[in-house]
C-alpha atoms as a PDB file:
ATOM      1  CA  UNK A   1      22.522  -8.651  26.578  1.00  0.00           C
ATOM      2  CA  UNK A   2      20.016  -7.706  24.224  1.00  0.00           C
ATOM      3  CA  UNK A   3      20.768  -8.677  20.561  1.00  0.00           C
ATOM      4  CA  UNK A   4      20.597  -5.502  17.945  1.00  0.00           C
ATOM      5  CA  UNK A   5      18.646  -6.334  14.983  1.00  0.00           C
ATOM      6  CA  UNK A   6      21.017  -6.752  11.647  1.00  0.00           C
ATOM      7  CA  UNK A   7      19.800  -5.148   8.939  1.00  0.00           C
ATOM      8  CA  UNK A   8      21.409  -6.012   5.270  1.00  0.00           C
ATOM      9  CA  UNK A   9      22.082  -2.937   3.252  1.00  0.00           C
ATOM     10  CA  UNK A  10      22.534  -3.111  -0.676  1.00  0.00           C
ATOM     11  CA  UNK A  11      25.805  -2.179  -2.607  1.00  0.00           C
ATOM     12  CA  UNK A  12      26.671  -1.019  -6.012  1.00  0.00           C
ATOM     13  CA  UNK A  13      29.319  -2.718  -8.135  1.00  0.00           C
ATOM     14  CA  UNK A  14      32.190  -0.372  -9.596  1.00  0.00           C
ATOM     15  CA  UNK A  15      34.463  -1.387 -11.854  1.00  0.00           C
ATOM     16  CA  UNK A  16      38.499  -0.064 -11.834  1.00  0.00           C
ATOM     17  CA  UNK A  17      37.809   2.580  -8.751  1.00  0.00           C
ATOM     18  CA  UNK A  18      40.297   4.273  -6.180  1.00  0.00           C
ATOM     19  CA  UNK A  19      44.207   4.376  -6.701  1.00  0.00           C
ATOM     20  CA  UNK A  20      44.776   0.548  -7.087  1.00  0.00           C
ATOM     21  CA  UNK A  21      42.225   0.522  -9.776  1.00  0.00           C
ATOM     22  CA  UNK A  22      40.319  -2.667  -8.229  1.00  0.00           C
ATOM     23  CA  UNK A  23      36.433  -3.300  -8.497  1.00  0.00           C
ATOM     24  CA  UNK A  24      34.624  -2.897  -5.382  1.00  0.00           C
ATOM     25  CA  UNK A  25      31.200  -3.134  -3.806  1.00  0.00           C
ATOM     26  CA  UNK A  26      30.173   0.366  -2.486  1.00  0.00           C
ATOM     27  CA  UNK A  27      27.709   1.702  -0.105  1.00  0.00           C
ATOM     28  CA  UNK A  28      27.699   5.288   1.011  1.00  0.00           C
ATOM     29  CA  UNK A  29      28.338   6.139   4.408  1.00  0.00           C
ATOM     30  CA  UNK A  30      25.468   7.960   5.432  1.00  0.00           C
ATOM     31  CA  UNK A  31      23.384   4.844   4.990  1.00  0.00           C
ATOM     32  CA  UNK A  32      25.724   2.725   7.238  1.00  0.00           C
ATOM     33  CA  UNK A  33      25.487   5.469   9.857  1.00  0.00           C
ATOM     34  CA  UNK A  34      21.687   5.903  10.085  1.00  0.00           C
ATOM     35  CA  UNK A  35      21.368   2.367  10.552  1.00  0.00           C
ATOM     36  CA  UNK A  36      23.868   1.985  13.076  1.00  0.00           C
ATOM     37  CA  UNK A  37      22.713   5.080  14.830  1.00  0.00           C
ATOM     38  CA  UNK A  38      18.763   6.203  14.332  1.00  0.00           C
ATOM     39  CA  UNK A  39      17.830   2.641  13.549  1.00  0.00           C
ATOM     40  CA  UNK A  40      20.013   0.874  16.524  1.00  0.00           C
ATOM     41  CA  UNK A  41      20.861  -1.746  14.025  1.00  0.00           C
ATOM     42  CA  UNK A  42      24.025  -3.701  13.088  1.00  0.00           C
ATOM     43  CA  UNK A  43      24.725  -2.962   9.229  1.00  0.00           C
ATOM     44  CA  UNK A  44      25.424  -5.809   7.068  1.00  0.00           C
ATOM     45  CA  UNK A  45      26.893  -4.670   3.588  1.00  0.00           C
ATOM     46  CA  UNK A  46      25.723  -7.249   0.990  1.00  0.00           C
ATOM     47  CA  UNK A  47      27.996  -7.409  -2.381  1.00  0.00           C
ATOM     48  CA  UNK A  48      26.070  -7.178  -5.676  1.00  0.00           C
ATOM     49  CA  UNK A  49      26.650 -10.972  -6.740  1.00  0.00           C
ATOM     50  CA  UNK A  50      23.794 -11.314  -8.916  1.00  0.00           C
ATOM     51  CA  UNK A  51      22.334 -14.925  -9.435  1.00  0.00           C
ATOM     52  CA  UNK A  52      25.130 -16.032  -7.035  1.00  0.00           C
ATOM     53  CA  UNK A  53      23.746 -14.674  -3.888  1.00  0.00           C
ATOM     54  CA  UNK A  54      21.758 -17.282  -1.608  1.00  0.00           C
ATOM     55  CA  UNK A  55      18.729 -15.140  -0.747  1.00  0.00           C
ATOM     56  CA  UNK A  56      17.447 -17.943   1.508  1.00  0.00           C
ATOM     57  CA  UNK A  57      20.935 -17.942   3.401  1.00  0.00           C
ATOM     58  CA  UNK A  58      21.347 -14.090   3.793  1.00  0.00           C
ATOM     59  CA  UNK A  59      17.337 -14.124   4.678  1.00  0.00           C
ATOM     60  CA  UNK A  60      17.533 -16.263   7.282  1.00  0.00           C
ATOM     61  CA  UNK A  61      20.341 -14.073   8.953  1.00  0.00           C
ATOM     62  CA  UNK A  62      19.162 -10.668   8.922  1.00  0.00           C
ATOM     63  CA  UNK A  63      15.859  -8.887  10.331  1.00  0.00           C
ATOM     64  CA  UNK A  64      15.574  -6.252   8.097  1.00  0.00           C
ATOM     65  CA  UNK A  65      16.543  -4.628   4.339  1.00  0.00           C
ATOM     66  CA  UNK A  66      17.772  -1.678   3.333  1.00  0.00           C
ATOM     67  CA  UNK A  67      17.752  -0.764  -0.486  1.00  0.00           C
ATOM     68  CA  UNK A  68      19.957   2.151  -0.580  1.00  0.00           C
ATOM     69  CA  UNK A  69      20.218   4.819  -3.277  1.00  0.00           C
ATOM     70  CA  UNK A  70      22.530   5.236  -6.052  1.00  0.00           C
ATOM     71  CA  UNK A  71      23.893   7.319  -9.068  1.00  0.00           C
ATOM     72  CA  UNK A  72      23.038   4.329 -11.574  1.00  0.00           C
ATOM     73  CA  UNK A  73      19.647   3.863 -12.844  1.00  0.00           C
ATOM     74  CA  UNK A  74      17.535   0.607 -13.319  1.00  0.00           C
ATOM     75  CA  UNK A  75      18.124  -1.024 -16.817  1.00  0.00           C
ATOM     76  CA  UNK A  76      14.848  -0.096 -18.889  1.00  0.00           C
ATOM     77  CA  UNK A  77      14.676  -3.627 -20.369  1.00  0.00           C
ATOM     78  CA  UNK A  78      13.571  -4.882 -16.823  1.00  0.00           C
ATOM     79  CA  UNK A  79      10.213  -2.790 -16.841  1.00  0.00           C
ATOM     80  CA  UNK A  80       9.202  -3.738 -20.643  1.00  0.00           C
ATOM     81  CA  UNK A  81      10.994  -0.996 -22.224  1.00  0.00           C
ATOM     82  CA  UNK A  82      13.684  -2.941 -24.233  1.00  0.00           C
ATOM     83  CA  UNK A  83      13.794  -0.226 -27.103  1.00  0.00           C
ATOM     84  CA  UNK A  84      14.730   2.550 -24.430  1.00  0.00           C
ATOM     85  CA  UNK A  85      18.101   3.719 -24.550  1.00  0.00           C
ATOM     86  CA  UNK A  86      19.557   3.475 -21.078  1.00  0.00           C
ATOM     87  CA  UNK A  87      20.275   6.606 -19.228  1.00  0.00           C
ATOM     88  CA  UNK A  88      23.770   6.010 -17.984  1.00  0.00           C
ATOM     89  CA  UNK A  89      24.881   4.908 -15.292  1.00  0.00           C
ATOM     90  CA  UNK A  90      23.771   1.366 -14.958  1.00  0.00           C
ATOM     91  CA  UNK A  91      24.454  -1.428 -12.918  1.00  0.00           C
ATOM     92  CA  UNK A  92      23.567  -4.275 -14.291  1.00  0.00           C
ATOM     93  CA  UNK A  93      25.307  -6.541 -11.151  1.00  0.00           C
ATOM     94  CA  UNK A  94      22.865  -4.684  -8.804  1.00  0.00           C
ATOM     95  CA  UNK A  95      19.747  -5.002 -10.802  1.00  0.00           C
ATOM     96  CA  UNK A  96      20.716  -8.890 -11.111  1.00  0.00           C
ATOM     97  CA  UNK A  97      20.786  -8.791  -7.016  1.00  0.00           C
ATOM     98  CA  UNK A  98      18.193  -6.351  -5.818  1.00  0.00           C
ATOM     99  CA  UNK A  99      14.843  -7.475  -7.823  1.00  0.00           C
ATOM    100  CA  UNK A 100      14.914 -11.260  -6.518  1.00  0.00           C
ATOM    101  CA  UNK A 101      16.149 -10.487  -3.325  1.00  0.00           C
ATOM    102  CA  UNK A 102      13.299  -7.818  -2.505  1.00  0.00           C
ATOM    103  CA  UNK A 103      10.565 -10.597  -3.849  1.00  0.00           C
ATOM    104  CA  UNK A 104      12.035 -12.774  -1.549  1.00  0.00           C
ATOM    105  CA  UNK A 105      12.202 -10.295   1.255  1.00  0.00           C
ATOM    106  CA  UNK A 106       8.560  -9.231   0.587  1.00  0.00           C
ATOM    107  CA  UNK A 107       7.497 -13.051   0.655  1.00  0.00           C
ATOM    108  CA  UNK A 108       8.952 -13.078   4.239  1.00  0.00           C
ATOM    109  CA  UNK A 109       7.166  -9.932   5.348  1.00  0.00           C
ATOM    110  CA  UNK A 110      10.735  -8.729   6.595  1.00  0.00           C
ATOM    111  CA  UNK A 111      10.836  -5.203   7.104  1.00  0.00           C
ATOM    112  CA  UNK A 112      12.015  -2.912   4.484  1.00  0.00           C
ATOM    113  CA  UNK A 113      12.938   0.469   4.004  1.00  0.00           C
ATOM    114  CA  UNK A 114      13.954   1.601   0.402  1.00  0.00           C
ATOM    115  CA  UNK A 115      15.410   4.668  -0.573  1.00  0.00           C
ATOM    116  CA  UNK A 116      15.728   6.815  -4.044  1.00  0.00           C
ATOM    117  CA  UNK A 117      17.227   3.901  -6.325  1.00  0.00           C
ATOM    118  CA  UNK A 118      15.354   1.208  -3.700  1.00  0.00           C
ATOM    119  CA  UNK A 119      12.244   2.802  -4.856  1.00  0.00           C
ATOM    120  CA  UNK A 120      12.271   2.209  -8.185  1.00  0.00           C
ATOM    121  CA  UNK A 121      13.334  -1.058  -7.750  1.00  0.00           C
ATOM    122  CA  UNK A 122      10.896  -2.097  -5.139  1.00  0.00           C
ATOM    123  CA  UNK A 123       8.172  -0.723  -8.297  1.00  0.00           C
ATOM    124  CA  UNK A 124      10.189  -2.898 -11.177  1.00  0.00           C
ATOM    125  CA  UNK A 125      10.460  -5.606  -8.914  1.00  0.00           C
ATOM    126  CA  UNK A 126       6.628  -6.132  -8.317  1.00  0.00           C
ATOM    127  CA  UNK A 127       6.135  -5.316 -12.102  1.00  0.00           C
ATOM    128  CA  UNK A 128       5.693  -1.453 -12.375  1.00  0.00           C
ATOM    129  CA  UNK A 129       7.655   0.622 -14.656  1.00  0.00           C
ATOM    130  CA  UNK A 130       9.814   4.000 -14.508  1.00  0.00           C
ATOM    131  CA  UNK A 131      10.148   7.243 -16.407  1.00  0.00           C
ATOM    132  CA  UNK A 132      13.851   6.661 -17.720  1.00  0.00           C
ATOM    133  CA  UNK A 133      14.296  10.495 -17.909  1.00  0.00           C
ATOM    134  CA  UNK A 134      11.806  11.703 -15.838  1.00  0.00           C
ATOM    135  CA  UNK A 135      13.043  15.345 -16.727  1.00  0.00           C
ATOM    136  CA  UNK A 136      11.743  14.850 -20.489  1.00  0.00           C
ATOM    137  CA  UNK A 137       8.321  14.267 -19.186  1.00  0.00           C
ATOM    138  CA  UNK A 138       6.159  16.852 -19.996  1.00  0.00           C
ATOM    139  CA  UNK A 139       4.626  18.421 -16.720  1.00  0.00           C
ATOM    140  CA  UNK A 140       7.482  17.093 -14.518  1.00  0.00           C
ATOM    141  CA  UNK A 141      10.089  19.104 -12.462  1.00  0.00           C
ATOM    142  CA  UNK A 142      13.569  18.621 -13.364  1.00  0.00           C
ATOM    143  CA  UNK A 143      14.506  15.999 -10.137  1.00  0.00           C
ATOM    144  CA  UNK A 144      17.793  15.538 -10.953  1.00  0.00           C
ATOM    145  CA  UNK A 145      20.961  17.239  -8.634  1.00  0.00           C
ATOM    146  CA  UNK A 146      22.874  20.174 -10.114  1.00  0.00           C
ATOM    147  CA  UNK A 147      26.385  18.991 -10.479  1.00  0.00           C
ATOM    148  CA  UNK A 148      27.819  22.456  -9.800  1.00  0.00           C
ATOM    149  CA  UNK A 149      26.495  22.444  -6.475  1.00  0.00           C
ATOM    150  CA  UNK A 150      28.381  20.795  -3.769  1.00  0.00           C
ATOM    151  CA  UNK A 151      27.292  17.843  -1.877  1.00  0.00           C
ATOM    152  CA  UNK A 152      25.728  19.768   0.981  1.00  0.00           C
ATOM    153  CA  UNK A 153      23.594  21.686  -1.582  1.00  0.00           C
ATOM    154  CA  UNK A 154      23.075  18.537  -3.668  1.00  0.00           C
ATOM    155  CA  UNK A 155      21.396  16.879  -0.571  1.00  0.00           C
ATOM    156  CA  UNK A 156      19.719  20.102   0.858  1.00  0.00           C
ATOM    157  CA  UNK A 157      16.073  20.684   0.682  1.00  0.00           C
ATOM    158  CA  UNK A 158      14.598  20.321  -2.717  1.00  0.00           C
ATOM    159  CA  UNK A 159      10.609  20.526  -3.007  1.00  0.00           C
ATOM    160  CA  UNK A 160       7.616  19.519  -0.969  1.00  0.00           C
ATOM    161  CA  UNK A 161       5.707  16.242  -0.597  1.00  0.00           C
ATOM    162  CA  UNK A 162       2.387  16.051   0.250  1.00  0.00           C
ATOM    163  CA  UNK A 163       1.708  12.962   2.515  1.00  0.00           C
ATOM    164  CA  UNK A 164      -1.297  10.397   2.016  1.00  0.00           C
ATOM    165  CA  UNK A 165      -3.876  11.265   4.658  1.00  0.00           C
ATOM    166  CA  UNK A 166      -3.998   8.112   7.179  1.00  0.00           C
ATOM    167  CA  UNK A 167      -0.700   6.668   5.565  1.00  0.00           C
ATOM    168  CA  UNK A 168       2.238   5.357   7.546  1.00  0.00           C
ATOM    169  CA  UNK A 169       4.447   8.119   6.566  1.00  0.00           C
ATOM    170  CA  UNK A 170       1.582  10.538   7.627  1.00  0.00           C
ATOM    171  CA  UNK A 171       1.055   8.990  10.944  1.00  0.00           C
ATOM    172  CA  UNK A 172       4.894   9.150  11.407  1.00  0.00           C
ATOM    173  CA  UNK A 173       5.346  12.448  10.182  1.00  0.00           C
ATOM    174  CA  UNK A 174       2.583  13.936  12.144  1.00  0.00           C
ATOM    175  CA  UNK A 175       1.949  16.427   8.899  1.00  0.00           C
ATOM    176  CA  UNK A 176       0.358  16.506   5.828  1.00  0.00           C
ATOM    177  CA  UNK A 177       3.604  18.156   4.163  1.00  0.00           C
ATOM    178  CA  UNK A 178       7.410  17.567   4.092  1.00  0.00           C
ATOM    179  CA  UNK A 179      10.268  19.314   2.702  1.00  0.00           C
ATOM    180  CA  UNK A 180      12.420  16.644   1.093  1.00  0.00           C
ATOM    181  CA  UNK A 181      16.295  16.416  -0.177  1.00  0.00           C
ATOM    182  CA  UNK A 182      14.905  14.406  -3.358  1.00  0.00           C
ATOM    183  CA  UNK A 183      17.080  14.739  -6.313  1.00  0.00           C
ATOM    184  CA  UNK A 184      16.622  11.708  -9.010  1.00  0.00           C
ATOM    185  CA  UNK A 185      16.718  11.057 -12.781  1.00  0.00           C
ATOM    186  CA  UNK A 186      14.151   8.253 -12.734  1.00  0.00           C
ATOM    187  CA  UNK A 187      11.035   8.105 -11.151  1.00  0.00           C
ATOM    188  CA  UNK A 188       7.926   5.824 -11.141  1.00  0.00           C
ATOM    189  CA  UNK A 189       5.623   5.858 -14.175  1.00  0.00           C
ATOM    190  CA  UNK A 190       2.961   3.037 -13.754  1.00  0.00           C
ATOM    191  CA  UNK A 191       2.722   2.055  -9.847  1.00  0.00           C
ATOM    192  CA  UNK A 192       3.050  -1.666  -9.329  1.00  0.00           C
ATOM    193  CA  UNK A 193       0.423  -3.755  -8.114  1.00  0.00           C
ATOM    194  CA  UNK A 194       0.617  -4.135  -4.300  1.00  0.00           C
ATOM    195  CA  UNK A 195       2.011  -0.551  -3.587  1.00  0.00           C
ATOM    196  CA  UNK A 196       0.244   2.088  -1.957  1.00  0.00           C
ATOM    197  CA  UNK A 197       0.989   5.354  -2.825  1.00  0.00           C
ATOM    198  CA  UNK A 198       2.510   7.704   0.532  1.00  0.00           C
ATOM    199  CA  UNK A 199       3.675  10.989  -0.946  1.00  0.00           C
ATOM    200  CA  UNK A 200       3.441  12.847  -4.253  1.00  0.00           C
ATOM    201  CA  UNK A 201       5.421  15.791  -5.489  1.00  0.00           C
ATOM    202  CA  UNK A 202       3.860  19.254  -6.508  1.00  0.00           C
ATOM    203  CA  UNK A 203       4.545  18.162 -10.200  1.00  0.00           C
ATOM    204  CA  UNK A 204       2.256  14.840  -9.444  1.00  0.00           C
ATOM    205  CA  UNK A 205       5.265  12.436  -9.210  1.00  0.00           C
ATOM    206  CA  UNK A 206       5.137   9.544  -6.555  1.00  0.00           C
ATOM    207  CA  UNK A 207       7.766  10.144  -4.092  1.00  0.00           C
ATOM    208  CA  UNK A 208       6.821   7.382  -1.471  1.00  0.00           C
ATOM    209  CA  UNK A 209       5.002   3.963  -1.034  1.00  0.00           C
ATOM    210  CA  UNK A 210       4.445   1.102   0.645  1.00  0.00           C
ATOM    211  CA  UNK A 211       3.629  -2.567  -0.063  1.00  0.00           C
ATOM    212  CA  UNK A 212       0.217  -3.193   0.794  1.00  0.00           C
ATOM    213  CA  UNK A 213      -0.681  -5.706   3.906  1.00  0.00           C
ATOM    214  CA  UNK A 214       3.388  -5.477   5.013  1.00  0.00           C
ATOM    215  CA  UNK A 215       4.166  -5.302   8.390  1.00  0.00           C
ATOM    216  CA  UNK A 216       6.929  -2.766   7.375  1.00  0.00           C
ATOM    217  CA  UNK A 217       7.757  -2.096   3.935  1.00  0.00           C
ATOM    218  CA  UNK A 218       7.733   1.562   3.157  1.00  0.00           C
ATOM    219  CA  UNK A 219      10.193   3.355   0.432  1.00  0.00           C
ATOM    220  CA  UNK A 220      10.902   7.023  -0.272  1.00  0.00           C
ATOM    221  CA  UNK A 221      12.494   8.994  -3.320  1.00  0.00           C
ATOM    222  CA  UNK A 222      14.351  11.250  -1.046  1.00  0.00           C
ATOM    223  CA  UNK A 223      17.079  10.864   1.445  1.00  0.00           C
ATOM    224  CA  UNK A 224      16.147  10.592   5.302  1.00  0.00           C
ATOM    225  CA  UNK A 225      19.546   8.862   5.714  1.00  0.00           C
ATOM    226  CA  UNK A 226      21.217  12.330   4.947  1.00  0.00           C
ATOM    227  CA  UNK A 227      19.351  13.967   7.942  1.00  0.00           C
ATOM    228  CA  UNK A 228      19.027  11.013  10.127  1.00  0.00           C
ATOM    229  CA  UNK A 229      20.852  12.477  12.695  1.00  0.00           C
ATOM    230  CA  UNK A 230      19.380  16.042  12.837  1.00  0.00           C
ATOM    231  CA  UNK A 231      15.643  15.754  11.290  1.00  0.00           C
ATOM    232  CA  UNK A 232      12.925  14.336  13.618  1.00  0.00           C
ATOM    233  CA  UNK A 233      11.146  12.540  10.708  1.00  0.00           C
ATOM    234  CA  UNK A 234      14.047  11.209   9.267  1.00  0.00           C
ATOM    235  CA  UNK A 235      15.195  10.180  12.511  1.00  0.00           C
ATOM    236  CA  UNK A 236      11.418   8.708  13.571  1.00  0.00           C
ATOM    237  CA  UNK A 237      11.404   6.854   9.838  1.00  0.00           C
ATOM    238  CA  UNK A 238      14.888   4.958  10.814  1.00  0.00           C
ATOM    239  CA  UNK A 239      13.832   4.310  14.420  1.00  0.00           C
ATOM    240  CA  UNK A 240      10.251   2.729  13.169  1.00  0.00           C
ATOM    241  CA  UNK A 241      12.490   0.501  10.660  1.00  0.00           C
ATOM    242  CA  UNK A 242      14.928  -0.510  13.470  1.00  0.00           C
ATOM    243  CA  UNK A 243      11.888  -1.324  15.846  1.00  0.00           C
ATOM    244  CA  UNK A 244      10.125  -3.506  13.245  1.00  0.00           C
ATOM    245  CA  UNK A 245      13.585  -5.211  12.704  1.00  0.00           C
ATOM    246  CA  UNK A 246      14.185  -5.763  16.363  1.00  0.00           C
ATOM    247  CA  UNK A 247      10.624  -7.410  16.315  1.00  0.00           C
ATOM    248  CA  UNK A 248      11.668 -10.459  14.004  1.00  0.00           C
ATOM    249  CA  UNK A 249      11.647 -13.671  15.797  1.00  0.00           C
ATOM    250  CA  UNK A 250      15.137 -14.783  17.157  1.00  0.00           C
ATOM    251  CA  UNK A 251      17.415 -16.332  15.068  1.00  0.00           C
ATOM    252  CA  UNK A 252      18.411 -20.158  15.523  1.00  0.00           C
ATOM    253  CA  UNK A 253      22.103 -20.847  17.508  1.00  0.00           C
ATOM    254  CA  UNK A 254      24.308 -21.846  14.980  1.00  0.00           C
ATOM    255  CA  UNK A 255      27.202 -24.486  16.693  1.00  0.00           C
ATOM    256  CA  UNK A 256      30.471 -24.542  15.134  1.00  0.00           C
ATOM    257  CA  UNK A 257      33.253 -27.401  15.428  1.00  0.00           C
END
């Protein structure tokens, strides 16, 4: 039987949550479904343990890394804006987990797909910066979701993006423009060295990037996990991610007892 690739998914830390008021680690179901379905992989949720997470042990055992989206924002002190007021909510445990994990995964050329907050984390992890409040930047659109709308409407089509000619997404989509379900409060300001632009919104905001020279390391500001079962481009993106993960070398066999 062919072994399915194992893909690690990042989680968010939530304080007292649910009826029991217990702290929890969370990942929205659409990410899990897209990995299990369109990517054809086994999802493995990684708790936001910060410095307690053993990156090497984890990355020895997985074939890919999915950086999920989140309502929370990367803390501005992590990209050189120590005096900037954080835009709530923030998630210090997730920041402390994902940024070093990203660098370790890139060093191994592990396949990576980063979505929404994941794109922002990737940029910050490699030395780039963000607009903490994108809607306040002159000339930029308000990319945030409308809380008055239901979830289906919030994750519906938002705007077009122009794909970089000859880029990975352009080759995958077979078209120059896509209409995407992009909703976010932060966005890339200074692009990190080692990242190439893959897509730009009509207001000039960077909406997708890739790691230069990586076998597969793409990041999108929109939410392909939401449409992975219905949209051909979203499905193709996850399928390509799963295929890259499946090409990882076989893991060693561990004996127990």
